Amino acid sequence: MTISEKVAYIKGLAEGLGLDSEDKNSKVLKAIIDLLEDVALTVEDLEDGCAELCEQIDAVDEDLSNLEDFIYEEDEDDEYFDEDEFFDDDDELYEVECPACHDIVYLDEGMLEEGEIACPNCGTNLEFDFDECDCDCCDGECEDKE
């Protein structure tokens, strides 16, 4: 039974009592019943509005989830990558673009010294060869440098 139905039941009981409209107690009782009826209508309006908002929030949440999946192209098996777990704040990071998938891979000096790494996105083998380097970036370790 809804609140409005309960108020209607109480109103019917009061009318069945045959209350005198001139009696002070009867006037108070009728005013209370009218107030209950107004409160019940207001509560029903709020419940309807809340239900509608909940449906809209669910729709927005579903749309946002679809958008996140589209933007980040996440699979259920993907895990969150936290750079702080793998790199110290003091490490200098280098950006390398994979020639196959064009994904940006972040590497520290230790990873570069290994000479190669598999792209975490597509698995392409990325090789790093500094033997032919003729720049000032290698701290004098270049063989071609005079």
Protein backbone atom coordinates (compact mmCIF):
# COMPACT_ATOMS: atom_id res chain seq x y z
CA MET A 1 0.00 0.00 0.00
CA THR A 2 1.39 3.39 -1.01
CA ILE A 3 1.42 6.46 1.19
CA SER A 4 -1.40 8.04 -0.83
CA GLU A 5 -3.50 4.90 -0.42
CA LYS A 6 -2.92 4.93 3.33
CA VAL A 7 -3.91 8.60 3.57
CA ALA A 8 -7.03 7.89 1.49
CA TYR A 9 -7.90 5.05 3.88
CA ILE A 10 -7.51 7.34 6.91
CA LYS A 11 -9.58 10.01 5.18
CA GLY A 12 -12.33 7.44 4.54
CA LEU A 13 -12.27 6.38 8.18
CA ALA A 14 -12.62 9.98 9.30
CA GLU A 15 -15.54 10.57 6.93
CA GLY A 16 -17.14 7.36 8.21
CA LEU A 17 -17.07 8.78 11.71
CA GLY A 18 -19.41 11.53 10.62
CA LEU A 19 -17.37 14.28 12.22
CA ASP A 20 -19.16 17.57 12.82
CA SER A 21 -17.61 20.33 10.67
CA GLU A 22 -18.34 22.91 13.40
CA ASP A 23 -16.48 20.98 16.15
CA LYS A 24 -12.94 22.25 16.90
CA ASN A 25 -11.51 18.74 17.22
CA SER A 26 -13.05 17.73 13.91
CA LYS A 27 -11.53 20.77 12.18
CA VAL A 28 -8.07 19.89 13.50
CA LEU A 29 -8.44 16.25 12.43
CA LYS A 30 -9.56 17.27 8.91
CA ALA A 31 -6.66 19.74 8.64
CA ILE A 32 -4.20 17.01 9.65
CA ILE A 33 -5.66 14.63 7.05
CA ASP A 34 -5.42 17.33 4.35
CA LEU A 35 -1.81 17.94 5.36
CA LEU A 36 -1.06 14.21 5.17
CA GLU A 37 -2.60 14.11 1.71
CA ASP A 38 -0.37 16.99 0.54
CA VAL A 39 2.73 15.36 2.08
CA ALA A 40 1.87 12.03 0.43
CA LEU A 41 1.55 13.70 -3.00
CA THR A 42 4.85 15.52 -2.51
CA VAL A 43 6.61 12.29 -1.48
CA GLU A 44 5.23 10.50 -4.54
CA ASP A 45 6.48 13.32 -6.79
CA LEU A 46 9.92 13.09 -5.16
CA GLU A 47 10.00 9.31 -5.57
CA ASP A 48 9.07 9.62 -9.26
CA GLY A 49 11.73 12.29 -9.79
CA CYS A 50 14.33 10.20 -7.99
CA ALA A 51 13.50 7.13 -10.08
CA GLU A 52 13.80 9.19 -13.27
CA LEU A 53 17.16 10.62 -12.16
CA CYS A 54 18.43 7.14 -11.31
CA GLU A 55 17.53 5.94 -14.81
CA GLN A 56 19.31 8.92 -16.35
CA ILE A 57 22.40 8.39 -14.18
CA ASP A 58 22.51 4.73 -15.19
CA ALA A 59 22.30 5.73 -18.86
CA VAL A 60 25.09 8.32 -18.45
CA ASP A 61 27.22 5.79 -16.56
CA GLU A 62 26.78 3.24 -19.34
CA ASP A 63 27.61 5.84 -22.00
CA LEU A 64 30.70 6.93 -20.07
CA SER A 65 31.84 3.33 -19.73
CA ASN A 66 31.44 2.81 -23.48
CA LEU A 67 33.35 6.03 -24.14
CA GLU A 68 36.19 5.00 -21.81
CA ASP A 69 36.43 1.64 -23.55
CA PHE A 70 36.52 3.36 -26.94
CA ILE A 71 39.13 5.95 -25.93
CA TYR A 72 41.45 3.74 -23.94
CA GLU A 73 40.76 0.54 -25.91
CA GLU A 74 41.09 -1.42 -22.71
CA ASP A 75 40.70 -5.14 -22.51
CA GLU A 76 39.59 -6.85 -19.35
CA ASP A 77 43.10 -8.36 -19.04
CA ASP A 78 44.88 -4.97 -19.13
CA GLU A 79 46.31 -3.81 -15.85
CA TYR A 80 46.89 -0.26 -14.71
CA PHE A 81 50.44 0.81 -15.42
CA ASP A 82 51.98 2.89 -12.65
CA GLU A 83 55.21 4.59 -13.78
CA ASP A 84 56.27 5.16 -10.17
CA GLU A 85 56.48 1.40 -9.64
CA PHE A 86 59.08 1.01 -12.37
CA PHE A 87 60.97 4.31 -12.47
CA ASP A 88 62.58 6.45 -9.80
CA ASP A 89 61.99 10.19 -9.85
CA ASP A 90 65.70 10.66 -10.56
CA ASP A 91 65.67 8.47 -13.69
CA GLU A 92 65.58 10.31 -16.97
CA LEU A 93 62.92 8.86 -19.23
CA TYR A 94 63.17 8.66 -23.00
CA GLU A 95 60.22 8.52 -25.35
CA VAL A 96 60.47 6.07 -28.21
CA GLU A 97 57.80 5.70 -30.87
CA CYS A 98 57.18 2.17 -32.09
CA PRO A 99 57.47 2.13 -35.90
CA ALA A 100 54.76 -0.56 -36.19
CA CYS A 101 51.93 0.71 -33.96
CA HIS A 102 53.14 4.29 -33.30
CA ASP A 103 52.64 3.81 -29.57
CA ILE A 104 54.91 5.91 -27.33
CA VAL A 105 57.10 3.77 -25.06
CA TYR A 106 58.90 5.30 -22.07
CA LEU A 107 62.37 3.92 -21.32
CA ASP A 108 65.05 4.64 -18.77
CA GLU A 109 68.81 4.38 -19.38
CA GLY A 110 68.98 0.80 -18.10
CA MET A 111 66.42 -0.32 -20.63
CA LEU A 112 68.28 1.47 -23.41
CA GLU A 113 71.58 -0.18 -22.43
CA GLU A 114 69.98 -3.61 -22.89
CA GLY A 115 69.87 -2.79 -26.59
CA GLU A 116 66.35 -3.99 -27.36
CA ILE A 117 62.87 -4.28 -25.92
CA ALA A 118 59.54 -5.62 -27.15
CA CYS A 119 56.86 -2.98 -27.68
CA PRO A 120 54.31 -3.48 -24.87
CA ASN A 121 51.48 -2.65 -27.26
CA CYS A 122 52.18 -4.75 -30.35
CA GLY A 123 55.23 -6.88 -29.44
CA THR A 124 57.49 -5.50 -32.18
CA ASN A 125 61.16 -5.80 -31.27
CA LEU A 126 62.65 -2.33 -30.78
CA GLU A 127 66.45 -2.25 -31.10
CA PHE A 128 68.75 0.50 -29.85
CA ASP A 129 72.23 0.75 -31.33
CA PHE A 130 74.47 3.57 -30.13
CA ASP A 131 77.64 2.46 -31.91
CA GLU A 132 77.00 4.80 -34.83
CA CYS A 133 76.11 7.78 -32.66
CA ASP A 134 77.97 11.03 -33.49
CA CYS A 135 76.26 13.39 -31.13
CA ASP A 136 76.95 14.89 -27.72
CA CYS A 137 74.17 12.89 -26.03
CA CYS A 138 76.21 9.86 -24.97
CA ASP A 139 78.66 11.47 -22.52
CA GLY A 140 81.72 10.66 -24.60
CA GLU A 141 80.90 6.97 -25.02
CA CYS A 142 80.46 7.19 -28.79
CA GLU A 143 83.10 5.30 -30.81
CA ASP A 144 82.85 7.67 -33.77
CA LYS A 145 83.35 10.76 -31.67
CA GLU A 146 86.77 12.42 -32.07
